[in-house]
Amino acid sequence: MAEGKIIRSEAVIGSFHSADQYSEAEKQELLKTARTALEKYFQAGQTYQPKTDNPKLLKKGGVFVTLNKVGKLRGCIGYIQPIKPLIEAVRDNAIAAAVEDNRFMPVTAEELKDIKIEISILTLPQPDTMENIIKNRAGVVLEQGNRGATYLPQVWEAVTNPDEFFGSLCLKADLGQDCYQDKKTKFSSYQVIVFSEN
């Protein structure tokens, strides 16, 4: 099993309220939960039932789990809204990122040893303007009608041009590439705390 050593641990933009900060031990527990969930799923087809008495990890929270292989994205799925206890959301999204991200073929058991897990804990999205999102390099939710998509703040590291960033987000939402210029399009932003295995 890969060690869940934290190599990156910070609020990507802005700062969280002190009550929303997570200790290194709490981050390690969430990384271990994700790793164990993947191992049990692939080795025995079992759903891991994490146990914790930590109220911060039992609180509902928005979270994404990203799987990287040799530095390249291998899967990323999450909940924007806090619909499940954080520790369960990490478990569920770790498995979903491995087998349900339709941009990729499902991860195989043989690949697990080469997979590095990254967890992004989200603040609640708040209505925002595109200008502020660009300025702050924030996480963004784009919505028009019943269609929508999100990019984590980390995407700004790879796609720095705003037109390219929002154009690709429109396509991800199955909208026209210039949907971000439409007055009907709504934007929300959020912050993340991100941490990962080594």
N, C-alpha and C. Protein backbone atom coordinates (compact mmCIF):
# COMPACT_ATOMS: atom_id res chain seq x y z
N MET A 1 0.84 -1.18 0.00
CA MET A 1 0.00 0.00 0.00
C MET A 1 0.88 1.24 0.00
N ALA A 2 0.56 2.20 -0.87
CA ALA A 2 1.34 3.43 -0.92
C ALA A 2 1.13 4.24 0.35
N GLU A 3 2.18 4.83 0.83
CA GLU A 3 2.06 5.68 2.01
C GLU A 3 1.31 6.95 1.62
N GLY A 4 0.43 7.41 2.50
CA GLY A 4 -0.35 8.61 2.22
C GLY A 4 0.35 9.86 2.71
N LYS A 5 1.61 10.01 2.40
CA LYS A 5 2.34 11.19 2.86
C LYS A 5 1.86 12.42 2.11
N ILE A 6 1.63 13.48 2.86
CA ILE A 6 1.15 14.71 2.25
C ILE A 6 2.32 15.44 1.62
N ILE A 7 2.18 15.79 0.34
CA ILE A 7 3.23 16.57 -0.31
C ILE A 7 2.74 17.97 -0.63
N ARG A 8 1.43 18.19 -0.52
CA ARG A 8 0.89 19.49 -0.85
C ARG A 8 -0.32 19.71 0.02
N SER A 9 -0.37 20.79 0.74
CA SER A 9 -1.46 20.97 1.68
C SER A 9 -1.70 22.45 1.92
N GLU A 10 -2.65 23.02 1.18
CA GLU A 10 -2.91 24.43 1.36
C GLU A 10 -4.26 24.78 0.77
N ALA A 11 -4.81 25.91 1.20
CA ALA A 11 -5.97 26.44 0.50
C ALA A 11 -5.44 27.02 -0.81
N VAL A 12 -6.00 26.58 -1.93
CA VAL A 12 -5.49 27.02 -3.22
C VAL A 12 -5.76 28.51 -3.42
N ILE A 13 -6.93 28.97 -2.99
CA ILE A 13 -7.21 30.40 -3.06
C ILE A 13 -7.83 30.84 -1.75
N GLY A 14 -7.59 32.09 -1.41
CA GLY A 14 -8.20 32.62 -0.20
C GLY A 14 -7.77 31.80 1.01
N SER A 15 -8.59 31.84 2.03
CA SER A 15 -8.29 31.05 3.23
C SER A 15 -9.58 30.55 3.84
N PHE A 16 -9.53 29.35 4.38
CA PHE A 16 -10.67 28.76 5.05
C PHE A 16 -10.78 29.32 6.46
N HIS A 17 -11.99 29.30 6.99
CA HIS A 17 -12.18 29.61 8.40
C HIS A 17 -11.38 28.60 9.21
N SER A 18 -10.83 29.02 10.33
CA SER A 18 -9.96 28.13 11.11
C SER A 18 -10.65 26.82 11.48
N ALA A 19 -11.98 26.86 11.66
CA ALA A 19 -12.71 25.64 12.03
C ALA A 19 -12.73 24.64 10.88
N ASP A 20 -12.45 25.12 9.66
CA ASP A 20 -12.48 24.24 8.50
C ASP A 20 -11.09 23.73 8.12
N GLN A 21 -10.09 24.08 8.90
CA GLN A 21 -8.76 23.56 8.62
C GLN A 21 -8.70 22.09 9.06
N TYR A 22 -7.80 21.35 8.44
CA TYR A 22 -7.66 19.93 8.76
C TYR A 22 -6.23 19.65 9.17
N SER A 23 -6.08 18.88 10.25
CA SER A 23 -4.74 18.53 10.72
C SER A 23 -4.11 17.52 9.77
N GLU A 24 -2.81 17.36 9.90
CA GLU A 24 -2.13 16.37 9.07
C GLU A 24 -2.69 14.97 9.32
N ALA A 25 -3.03 14.67 10.56
CA ALA A 25 -3.59 13.35 10.88
C ALA A 25 -4.94 13.15 10.20
N GLU A 26 -5.74 14.21 10.15
CA GLU A 26 -7.05 14.10 9.50
C GLU A 26 -6.90 13.92 8.00
N LYS A 27 -5.94 14.62 7.43
CA LYS A 27 -5.69 14.45 5.99
C LYS A 27 -5.19 13.04 5.69
N GLN A 28 -4.31 12.56 6.55
CA GLN A 28 -3.80 11.20 6.37
C GLN A 28 -4.93 10.18 6.47
N GLU A 29 -5.86 10.41 7.38
CA GLU A 29 -6.98 9.49 7.55
C GLU A 29 -7.85 9.46 6.29
N LEU A 30 -8.07 10.62 5.67
CA LEU A 30 -8.87 10.67 4.45
C LEU A 30 -8.13 10.02 3.28
N LEU A 31 -6.83 10.25 3.18
CA LEU A 31 -6.06 9.60 2.12
C LEU A 31 -6.05 8.08 2.30
N LYS A 32 -5.91 7.64 3.54
CA LYS A 32 -5.93 6.20 3.82
C LYS A 32 -7.30 5.60 3.49
N THR A 33 -8.35 6.37 3.79
CA THR A 33 -9.71 5.91 3.45
C THR A 33 -9.85 5.69 1.95
N ALA A 34 -9.37 6.65 1.17
CA ALA A 34 -9.46 6.53 -0.29
C ALA A 34 -8.65 5.34 -0.79
N ARG A 35 -7.44 5.18 -0.28
CA ARG A 35 -6.57 4.08 -0.71
C ARG A 35 -7.18 2.73 -0.33
N THR A 36 -7.67 2.60 0.90
CA THR A 36 -8.26 1.34 1.34
C THR A 36 -9.51 1.02 0.55
N ALA A 37 -10.32 2.04 0.25
CA ALA A 37 -11.54 1.82 -0.54
C ALA A 37 -11.20 1.25 -1.91
N LEU A 38 -10.17 1.77 -2.54
CA LEU A 38 -9.76 1.26 -3.85
C LEU A 38 -9.24 -0.16 -3.75
N GLU A 39 -8.42 -0.45 -2.73
CA GLU A 39 -7.86 -1.79 -2.59
C GLU A 39 -8.95 -2.83 -2.34
N LYS A 40 -9.89 -2.52 -1.46
CA LYS A 40 -10.97 -3.48 -1.17
C LYS A 40 -11.87 -3.67 -2.38
N TYR A 41 -12.11 -2.60 -3.11
CA TYR A 41 -12.95 -2.70 -4.30
C TYR A 41 -12.31 -3.60 -5.36
N PHE A 42 -11.03 -3.38 -5.63
CA PHE A 42 -10.37 -4.12 -6.69
C PHE A 42 -9.97 -5.54 -6.27
N GLN A 43 -9.63 -5.72 -5.01
CA GLN A 43 -9.16 -7.03 -4.57
C GLN A 43 -10.30 -7.98 -4.24
N ALA A 44 -11.40 -7.45 -3.71
CA ALA A 44 -12.47 -8.33 -3.25
C ALA A 44 -13.87 -7.88 -3.66
N GLY A 45 -13.96 -6.81 -4.42
CA GLY A 45 -15.27 -6.31 -4.82
C GLY A 45 -16.11 -5.82 -3.65
N GLN A 46 -15.42 -5.41 -2.57
CA GLN A 46 -16.12 -5.00 -1.35
C GLN A 46 -16.20 -3.48 -1.26
N THR A 47 -17.24 -3.01 -0.56
CA THR A 47 -17.36 -1.59 -0.26
C THR A 47 -16.81 -1.36 1.14
N TYR A 48 -15.75 -0.59 1.22
CA TYR A 48 -15.10 -0.30 2.50
C TYR A 48 -16.03 0.54 3.38
N GLN A 49 -16.12 0.18 4.64
CA GLN A 49 -16.94 0.93 5.60
C GLN A 49 -16.01 1.63 6.59
N PRO A 50 -15.63 2.87 6.29
CA PRO A 50 -14.69 3.56 7.20
C PRO A 50 -15.35 3.89 8.53
N LYS A 51 -14.57 3.83 9.57
CA LYS A 51 -15.06 4.15 10.91
C LYS A 51 -14.23 5.27 11.49
N THR A 52 -14.91 6.28 12.01
CA THR A 52 -14.23 7.39 12.66
C THR A 52 -15.17 8.02 13.67
N ASP A 53 -14.60 8.58 14.72
CA ASP A 53 -15.42 9.33 15.66
C ASP A 53 -15.07 10.82 15.59
N ASN A 54 -14.34 11.20 14.56
CA ASN A 54 -13.95 12.60 14.37
C ASN A 54 -15.12 13.37 13.74
N PRO A 55 -15.71 14.33 14.47
CA PRO A 55 -16.88 15.03 13.95
C PRO A 55 -16.59 15.80 12.66
N LYS A 56 -15.34 16.23 12.45
CA LYS A 56 -15.02 16.97 11.22
C LYS A 56 -15.10 16.06 9.99
N LEU A 57 -14.77 14.79 10.18
CA LEU A 57 -14.81 13.86 9.06
C LEU A 57 -16.20 13.27 8.87
N LEU A 58 -17.06 13.43 9.88
CA LEU A 58 -18.45 12.97 9.77
C LEU A 58 -19.38 14.08 9.28
N LYS A 59 -18.87 15.30 9.25
CA LYS A 59 -19.65 16.42 8.74
C LYS A 59 -19.77 16.31 7.23
N LYS A 60 -20.95 16.63 6.70
CA LYS A 60 -21.14 16.59 5.25
C LYS A 60 -20.26 17.63 4.58
N GLY A 61 -19.65 17.23 3.46
CA GLY A 61 -18.75 18.16 2.78
C GLY A 61 -18.63 17.86 1.30
N GLY A 62 -18.45 18.90 0.52
CA GLY A 62 -18.15 18.74 -0.90
C GLY A 62 -16.70 18.33 -1.06
N VAL A 63 -16.45 17.35 -1.90
CA VAL A 63 -15.08 16.84 -2.05
C VAL A 63 -14.90 16.17 -3.41
N PHE A 64 -13.73 16.35 -3.98
CA PHE A 64 -13.35 15.65 -5.21
C PHE A 64 -12.14 14.77 -4.92
N VAL A 65 -12.11 13.61 -5.56
CA VAL A 65 -10.94 12.73 -5.49
C VAL A 65 -10.35 12.64 -6.89
N THR A 66 -9.07 12.95 -6.98
CA THR A 66 -8.35 12.91 -8.26
C THR A 66 -7.32 11.79 -8.21
N LEU A 67 -7.27 11.01 -9.29
CA LEU A 67 -6.27 9.94 -9.41
C LEU A 67 -5.28 10.33 -10.50
N ASN A 68 -4.00 10.34 -10.15
CA ASN A 68 -2.96 10.65 -11.11
C ASN A 68 -2.05 9.44 -11.29
N LYS A 69 -1.62 9.22 -12.51
CA LYS A 69 -0.71 8.11 -12.82
C LYS A 69 0.48 8.68 -13.57
N VAL A 70 1.64 8.55 -12.99
CA VAL A 70 2.88 9.08 -13.57
C VAL A 70 2.69 10.55 -13.94
N GLY A 71 2.06 11.28 -13.03
CA GLY A 71 1.89 12.71 -13.22
C GLY A 71 0.78 13.12 -14.16
N LYS A 72 0.04 12.15 -14.67
CA LYS A 72 -1.05 12.48 -15.60
C LYS A 72 -2.39 12.08 -15.00
N LEU A 73 -3.41 12.89 -15.31
CA LEU A 73 -4.75 12.63 -14.80
C LEU A 73 -5.24 11.26 -15.26
N ARG A 74 -5.79 10.49 -14.31
CA ARG A 74 -6.33 9.16 -14.61
C ARG A 74 -7.80 9.05 -14.24
N GLY A 75 -8.30 10.04 -13.51
CA GLY A 75 -9.72 10.05 -13.14
C GLY A 75 -9.96 11.11 -12.09
N CYS A 76 -11.13 11.74 -12.13
CA CYS A 76 -11.47 12.76 -11.14
C CYS A 76 -12.98 12.89 -11.08
N ILE A 77 -13.54 12.63 -9.91
CA ILE A 77 -14.98 12.73 -9.71
C ILE A 77 -15.22 13.23 -8.28
N GLY A 78 -16.30 13.97 -8.11
CA GLY A 78 -16.60 14.44 -6.76
C GLY A 78 -17.99 15.01 -6.62
N TYR A 79 -18.24 15.49 -5.42
CA TYR A 79 -19.50 16.15 -5.08
C TYR A 79 -19.22 17.63 -4.86
N ILE A 80 -19.91 18.48 -5.60
CA ILE A 80 -19.76 19.92 -5.37
C ILE A 80 -20.46 20.31 -4.07
N GLN A 81 -21.63 19.73 -3.84
CA GLN A 81 -22.42 20.06 -2.66
C GLN A 81 -22.15 19.05 -1.54
N PRO A 82 -22.34 19.46 -0.29
CA PRO A 82 -22.12 18.55 0.85
C PRO A 82 -23.31 17.61 1.05
N ILE A 83 -23.28 16.49 0.35
CA ILE A 83 -24.43 15.57 0.39
C ILE A 83 -24.18 14.34 1.24
N LYS A 84 -22.93 14.10 1.62
CA LYS A 84 -22.59 12.93 2.44
C LYS A 84 -21.52 13.31 3.45
N PRO A 85 -21.41 12.55 4.54
CA PRO A 85 -20.28 12.77 5.44
C PRO A 85 -18.97 12.71 4.66
N LEU A 86 -18.05 13.58 5.01
CA LEU A 86 -16.81 13.73 4.24
C LEU A 86 -16.09 12.41 4.04
N ILE A 87 -15.98 11.60 5.08
CA ILE A 87 -15.22 10.36 4.96
C ILE A 87 -15.89 9.38 4.00
N GLU A 88 -17.23 9.37 3.96
CA GLU A 88 -17.95 8.52 3.01
C GLU A 88 -17.85 9.08 1.59
N ALA A 89 -17.88 10.40 1.47
CA ALA A 89 -17.76 11.02 0.16
C ALA A 89 -16.40 10.73 -0.46
N VAL A 90 -15.36 10.73 0.37
CA VAL A 90 -14.02 10.39 -0.11
C VAL A 90 -13.99 8.95 -0.60
N ARG A 91 -14.55 8.04 0.18
CA ARG A 91 -14.60 6.63 -0.23
C ARG A 91 -15.32 6.47 -1.57
N ASP A 92 -16.52 7.03 -1.67
CA ASP A 92 -17.34 6.85 -2.87
C ASP A 92 -16.70 7.47 -4.10
N ASN A 93 -16.10 8.65 -3.94
CA ASN A 93 -15.53 9.33 -5.09
C ASN A 93 -14.19 8.74 -5.51
N ALA A 94 -13.49 8.11 -4.58
CA ALA A 94 -12.26 7.41 -4.96
C ALA A 94 -12.59 6.28 -5.94
N ILE A 95 -13.61 5.50 -5.61
CA ILE A 95 -14.02 4.40 -6.49
C ILE A 95 -14.59 4.94 -7.79
N ALA A 96 -15.43 5.98 -7.68
CA ALA A 96 -16.03 6.55 -8.89
C ALA A 96 -14.96 7.11 -9.83
N ALA A 97 -13.94 7.77 -9.27
CA ALA A 97 -12.87 8.31 -10.11
C ALA A 97 -12.13 7.20 -10.84
N ALA A 98 -12.06 6.03 -10.21
CA ALA A 98 -11.35 4.89 -10.82
C ALA A 98 -12.15 4.22 -11.93
N VAL A 99 -13.46 4.15 -11.77
CA VAL A 99 -14.23 3.31 -12.71
C VAL A 99 -15.39 4.02 -13.42
N GLU A 100 -15.69 5.27 -13.04
CA GLU A 100 -16.86 5.92 -13.63
C GLU A 100 -16.55 7.20 -14.40
N ASP A 101 -15.30 7.63 -14.43
CA ASP A 101 -14.95 8.83 -15.19
C ASP A 101 -14.92 8.45 -16.67
N ASN A 102 -15.95 8.90 -17.42
CA ASN A 102 -16.09 8.42 -18.79
C ASN A 102 -15.07 9.02 -19.76
N ARG A 103 -14.18 9.84 -19.26
CA ARG A 103 -13.08 10.34 -20.11
C ARG A 103 -11.97 9.31 -20.26
N PHE A 104 -12.01 8.28 -19.40
CA PHE A 104 -10.92 7.31 -19.35
C PHE A 104 -11.48 5.89 -19.30
N MET A 105 -10.65 4.94 -19.72
CA MET A 105 -10.96 3.55 -19.46
C MET A 105 -10.86 3.32 -17.95
N PRO A 106 -11.67 2.40 -17.40
CA PRO A 106 -11.59 2.15 -15.95
C PRO A 106 -10.18 1.75 -15.51
N VAL A 107 -9.81 2.20 -14.33
CA VAL A 107 -8.54 1.80 -13.74
C VAL A 107 -8.57 0.29 -13.49
N THR A 108 -7.43 -0.36 -13.63
CA THR A 108 -7.34 -1.79 -13.34
C THR A 108 -6.61 -2.00 -12.02
N ALA A 109 -6.78 -3.19 -11.45
CA ALA A 109 -6.12 -3.51 -10.18
C ALA A 109 -4.60 -3.38 -10.31
N GLU A 110 -4.07 -3.74 -11.49
CA GLU A 110 -2.62 -3.70 -11.70
C GLU A 110 -2.08 -2.27 -11.67
N GLU A 111 -2.94 -1.31 -11.97
CA GLU A 111 -2.50 0.09 -12.00
C GLU A 111 -2.40 0.73 -10.61
N LEU A 112 -3.06 0.13 -9.62
CA LEU A 112 -3.17 0.78 -8.31
C LEU A 112 -1.83 1.21 -7.74
N LYS A 113 -0.82 0.40 -7.94
CA LYS A 113 0.49 0.71 -7.36
C LYS A 113 1.09 1.98 -7.96
N ASP A 114 0.64 2.37 -9.15
CA ASP A 114 1.16 3.56 -9.82
C ASP A 114 0.25 4.77 -9.67
N ILE A 115 -0.87 4.59 -8.99
CA ILE A 115 -1.85 5.67 -8.81
C ILE A 115 -1.53 6.47 -7.55
N LYS A 116 -1.53 7.77 -7.69
CA LYS A 116 -1.41 8.68 -6.55
C LYS A 116 -2.74 9.40 -6.36
N ILE A 117 -3.18 9.47 -5.12
CA ILE A 117 -4.49 10.02 -4.79
C ILE A 117 -4.35 11.46 -4.32
N GLU A 118 -5.22 12.32 -4.84
CA GLU A 118 -5.30 13.71 -4.40
C GLU A 118 -6.73 14.00 -3.97
N ILE A 119 -6.89 14.68 -2.85
CA ILE A 119 -8.22 15.01 -2.32
C ILE A 119 -8.36 16.52 -2.27
N SER A 120 -9.49 17.02 -2.75
CA SER A 120 -9.80 18.44 -2.70
C SER A 120 -11.10 18.62 -1.93
N ILE A 121 -11.02 19.31 -0.79
CA ILE A 121 -12.20 19.60 0.03
C ILE A 121 -12.69 21.00 -0.33
N LEU A 122 -13.97 21.11 -0.67
CA LEU A 122 -14.52 22.35 -1.20
C LEU A 122 -15.27 23.16 -0.15
N THR A 123 -15.19 24.48 -0.30
CA THR A 123 -16.14 25.34 0.39
C THR A 123 -17.44 25.33 -0.40
N LEU A 124 -18.52 25.82 0.20
CA LEU A 124 -19.78 25.91 -0.51
C LEU A 124 -19.65 26.91 -1.66
N PRO A 125 -20.05 26.54 -2.89
CA PRO A 125 -19.99 27.51 -3.99
C PRO A 125 -20.89 28.70 -3.72
N GLN A 126 -20.39 29.87 -4.09
CA GLN A 126 -21.13 31.11 -3.94
C GLN A 126 -21.23 31.82 -5.29
N PRO A 127 -22.37 32.45 -5.57
CA PRO A 127 -22.49 33.19 -6.84
C PRO A 127 -21.33 34.17 -7.01
N ASP A 128 -20.81 34.26 -8.22
CA ASP A 128 -19.64 35.10 -8.45
C ASP A 128 -19.64 35.57 -9.91
N THR A 129 -18.73 36.47 -10.23
CA THR A 129 -18.58 36.95 -11.60
C THR A 129 -17.39 36.26 -12.24
N MET A 130 -17.41 36.18 -13.56
CA MET A 130 -16.31 35.58 -14.27
C MET A 130 -15.02 36.36 -14.02
N GLU A 131 -15.13 37.69 -13.91
CA GLU A 131 -13.96 38.53 -13.69
C GLU A 131 -13.29 38.18 -12.36
N ASN A 132 -14.09 38.02 -11.30
CA ASN A 132 -13.52 37.66 -10.00
C ASN A 132 -12.89 36.27 -10.03
N ILE A 133 -13.55 35.35 -10.73
CA ILE A 133 -13.03 33.98 -10.81
C ILE A 133 -11.67 33.96 -11.50
N ILE A 134 -11.55 34.75 -12.57
CA ILE A 134 -10.27 34.83 -13.28
C ILE A 134 -9.21 35.45 -12.38
N LYS A 135 -9.57 36.54 -11.72
CA LYS A 135 -8.63 37.25 -10.85
C LYS A 135 -8.11 36.35 -9.73
N ASN A 136 -9.03 35.59 -9.13
CA ASN A 136 -8.67 34.77 -7.96
C ASN A 136 -8.23 33.36 -8.32
N ARG A 137 -8.31 33.01 -9.63
CA ARG A 137 -7.99 31.64 -10.05
C ARG A 137 -8.77 30.64 -9.18
N ALA A 138 -10.07 30.90 -9.06
CA ALA A 138 -10.93 30.12 -8.17
C ALA A 138 -11.46 28.87 -8.86
N GLY A 139 -11.95 27.94 -8.05
CA GLY A 139 -12.75 26.86 -8.57
C GLY A 139 -14.06 27.45 -9.08
N VAL A 140 -14.62 26.87 -10.13
CA VAL A 140 -15.80 27.48 -10.75
C VAL A 140 -16.85 26.44 -11.09
N VAL A 141 -18.10 26.83 -10.88
CA VAL A 141 -19.25 26.07 -11.37
C VAL A 141 -19.93 26.93 -12.42
N LEU A 142 -20.07 26.40 -13.63
CA LEU A 142 -20.75 27.09 -14.72
C LEU A 142 -22.08 26.40 -14.95
N GLU A 143 -23.16 27.17 -15.05
CA GLU A 143 -24.50 26.60 -15.22
C GLU A 143 -25.31 27.41 -16.22
N GLN A 144 -26.04 26.68 -17.06
CA GLN A 144 -27.01 27.30 -17.96
C GLN A 144 -28.16 26.32 -18.12
N GLY A 145 -29.36 26.73 -17.68
CA GLY A 145 -30.49 25.82 -17.70
C GLY A 145 -30.21 24.63 -16.81
N ASN A 146 -30.42 23.43 -17.35
CA ASN A 146 -30.20 22.23 -16.56
C ASN A 146 -28.83 21.60 -16.84
N ARG A 147 -27.95 22.35 -17.46
CA ARG A 147 -26.61 21.85 -17.75
C ARG A 147 -25.57 22.63 -16.96
N GLY A 148 -24.52 21.94 -16.59
CA GLY A 148 -23.48 22.61 -15.82
C GLY A 148 -22.23 21.75 -15.74
N ALA A 149 -21.15 22.38 -15.32
CA ALA A 149 -19.87 21.68 -15.16
C ALA A 149 -19.01 22.48 -14.20
N THR A 150 -17.98 21.82 -13.69
CA THR A 150 -17.07 22.49 -12.76
C THR A 150 -15.62 22.19 -13.10
N TYR A 151 -14.76 23.13 -12.76
CA TYR A 151 -13.32 22.93 -12.78
C TYR A 151 -12.78 23.27 -11.40
N LEU A 152 -11.94 22.41 -10.86
CA LEU A 152 -11.23 22.72 -9.63
C LEU A 152 -10.21 23.83 -9.90
N PRO A 153 -9.80 24.55 -8.86
CA PRO A 153 -8.80 25.60 -9.07
C PRO A 153 -7.50 25.08 -9.69
N GLN A 154 -7.18 23.82 -9.46
CA GLN A 154 -5.94 23.25 -10.00
C GLN A 154 -5.89 23.31 -11.53
N VAL A 155 -7.07 23.37 -12.18
CA VAL A 155 -7.10 23.39 -13.65
C VAL A 155 -6.42 24.65 -14.18
N TRP A 156 -6.46 25.74 -13.39
CA TRP A 156 -5.79 26.97 -13.82
C TRP A 156 -4.30 26.76 -14.02
N GLU A 157 -3.71 25.77 -13.34
CA GLU A 157 -2.27 25.52 -13.49
C GLU A 157 -1.95 24.99 -14.89
N ALA A 158 -2.92 24.31 -15.50
CA ALA A 158 -2.69 23.73 -16.82
C ALA A 158 -3.28 24.59 -17.93
N VAL A 159 -4.38 25.29 -17.63
CA VAL A 159 -5.07 26.11 -18.64
C VAL A 159 -5.13 27.54 -18.11
N THR A 160 -4.16 28.35 -18.47
CA THR A 160 -4.05 29.69 -17.90
C THR A 160 -4.82 30.74 -18.70
N ASN A 161 -5.13 30.46 -19.95
CA ASN A 161 -5.85 31.41 -20.79
C ASN A 161 -7.34 31.37 -20.45
N PRO A 162 -7.94 32.48 -20.00
CA PRO A 162 -9.35 32.45 -19.58
C PRO A 162 -10.32 31.99 -20.67
N ASP A 163 -10.11 32.42 -21.92
CA ASP A 163 -11.01 32.00 -22.99
C ASP A 163 -10.94 30.49 -23.20
N GLU A 164 -9.73 29.95 -23.15
CA GLU A 164 -9.57 28.50 -23.30
C GLU A 164 -10.17 27.78 -22.10
N PHE A 165 -9.95 28.33 -20.91
CA PHE A 165 -10.46 27.74 -19.67
C PHE A 165 -11.98 27.65 -19.72
N PHE A 166 -12.64 28.78 -19.94
CA PHE A 166 -14.10 28.79 -19.91
C PHE A 166 -14.70 28.13 -21.15
N GLY A 167 -14.01 28.21 -22.29
CA GLY A 167 -14.50 27.52 -23.48
C GLY A 167 -14.53 26.02 -23.30
N SER A 168 -13.47 25.47 -22.70
CA SER A 168 -13.44 24.02 -22.48
C SER A 168 -14.45 23.62 -21.40
N LEU A 169 -14.68 24.51 -20.43
CA LEU A 169 -15.68 24.22 -19.40
C LEU A 169 -17.08 24.19 -20.01
N CYS A 170 -17.35 25.08 -20.96
CA CYS A 170 -18.63 25.06 -21.68
C CYS A 170 -18.82 23.73 -22.40
N LEU A 171 -17.77 23.26 -23.06
CA LEU A 171 -17.86 21.99 -23.77
C LEU A 171 -18.07 20.84 -22.80
N LYS A 172 -17.44 20.91 -21.64
CA LYS A 172 -17.62 19.89 -20.61
C LYS A 172 -19.08 19.83 -20.17
N ALA A 173 -19.74 21.00 -20.16
CA ALA A 173 -21.16 21.07 -19.78
C ALA A 173 -22.09 20.73 -20.94
N ASP A 174 -21.50 20.33 -22.08
CA ASP A 174 -22.28 20.01 -23.28
C ASP A 174 -23.04 21.23 -23.79
N LEU A 175 -22.38 22.37 -23.72
CA LEU A 175 -22.91 23.63 -24.24
C LEU A 175 -21.97 24.14 -25.33
N GLY A 176 -22.38 25.17 -26.03
CA GLY A 176 -21.51 25.75 -27.04
C GLY A 176 -20.25 26.31 -26.43
N GLN A 177 -19.16 26.32 -27.21
CA GLN A 177 -17.86 26.70 -26.67
C GLN A 177 -17.82 28.14 -26.15
N ASP A 178 -18.72 28.99 -26.66
CA ASP A 178 -18.74 30.38 -26.21
C ASP A 178 -19.87 30.66 -25.23
N CYS A 179 -20.40 29.62 -24.57
CA CYS A 179 -21.53 29.78 -23.65
C CYS A 179 -21.20 30.73 -22.50
N TYR A 180 -19.91 30.84 -22.16
CA TYR A 180 -19.54 31.69 -21.03
C TYR A 180 -19.79 33.18 -21.31
N GLN A 181 -20.00 33.51 -22.59
CA GLN A 181 -20.28 34.90 -22.95
C GLN A 181 -21.78 35.19 -22.94
N ASP A 182 -22.59 34.15 -22.75
CA ASP A 182 -24.05 34.29 -22.75
C ASP A 182 -24.52 34.83 -21.40
N LYS A 183 -25.39 35.81 -21.43
CA LYS A 183 -25.90 36.41 -20.19
C LYS A 183 -26.72 35.42 -19.36
N LYS A 184 -27.20 34.36 -19.99
CA LYS A 184 -27.97 33.35 -19.25
C LYS A 184 -27.08 32.42 -18.43
N THR A 185 -25.79 32.44 -18.70
CA THR A 185 -24.87 31.56 -17.99
C THR A 185 -24.56 32.13 -16.61
N LYS A 186 -24.65 31.26 -15.61
CA LYS A 186 -24.39 31.67 -14.23
C LYS A 186 -23.08 31.05 -13.74
N PHE A 187 -22.40 31.79 -12.89
CA PHE A 187 -21.13 31.34 -12.34
C PHE A 187 -21.16 31.32 -10.82
N SER A 188 -20.54 30.31 -10.24
CA SER A 188 -20.29 30.27 -8.80
C SER A 188 -18.82 29.91 -8.61
N SER A 189 -18.27 30.33 -7.49
CA SER A 189 -16.87 30.01 -7.21
C SER A 189 -16.74 29.35 -5.86
N TYR A 190 -15.65 28.64 -5.67
CA TYR A 190 -15.36 27.99 -4.40
C TYR A 190 -13.85 27.89 -4.20
N GLN A 191 -13.47 27.64 -2.96
CA GLN A 191 -12.08 27.42 -2.60
C GLN A 191 -11.89 25.94 -2.30
N VAL A 192 -10.66 25.50 -2.30
CA VAL A 192 -10.36 24.11 -1.94
C VAL A 192 -9.15 24.04 -1.03
N ILE A 193 -9.16 23.04 -0.18
CA ILE A 193 -7.95 22.58 0.49
C ILE A 193 -7.56 21.30 -0.22
N VAL A 194 -6.34 21.23 -0.73
CA VAL A 194 -5.92 20.08 -1.53
C VAL A 194 -4.69 19.44 -0.91
N PHE A 195 -4.68 18.11 -0.87
CA PHE A 195 -3.54 17.38 -0.34
C PHE A 195 -3.48 16.03 -1.04
N SER A 196 -2.30 15.44 -1.06
CA SER A 196 -2.12 14.22 -1.87
C SER A 196 -1.05 13.31 -1.29
N GLU A 197 -1.05 12.08 -1.82
CA GLU A 197 0.00 11.12 -1.50
C GLU A 197 1.30 11.56 -2.17
N ASN A 198 2.42 10.98 -1.71
CA ASN A 198 3.68 11.30 -2.34
C ASN A 198 3.90 10.41 -3.56
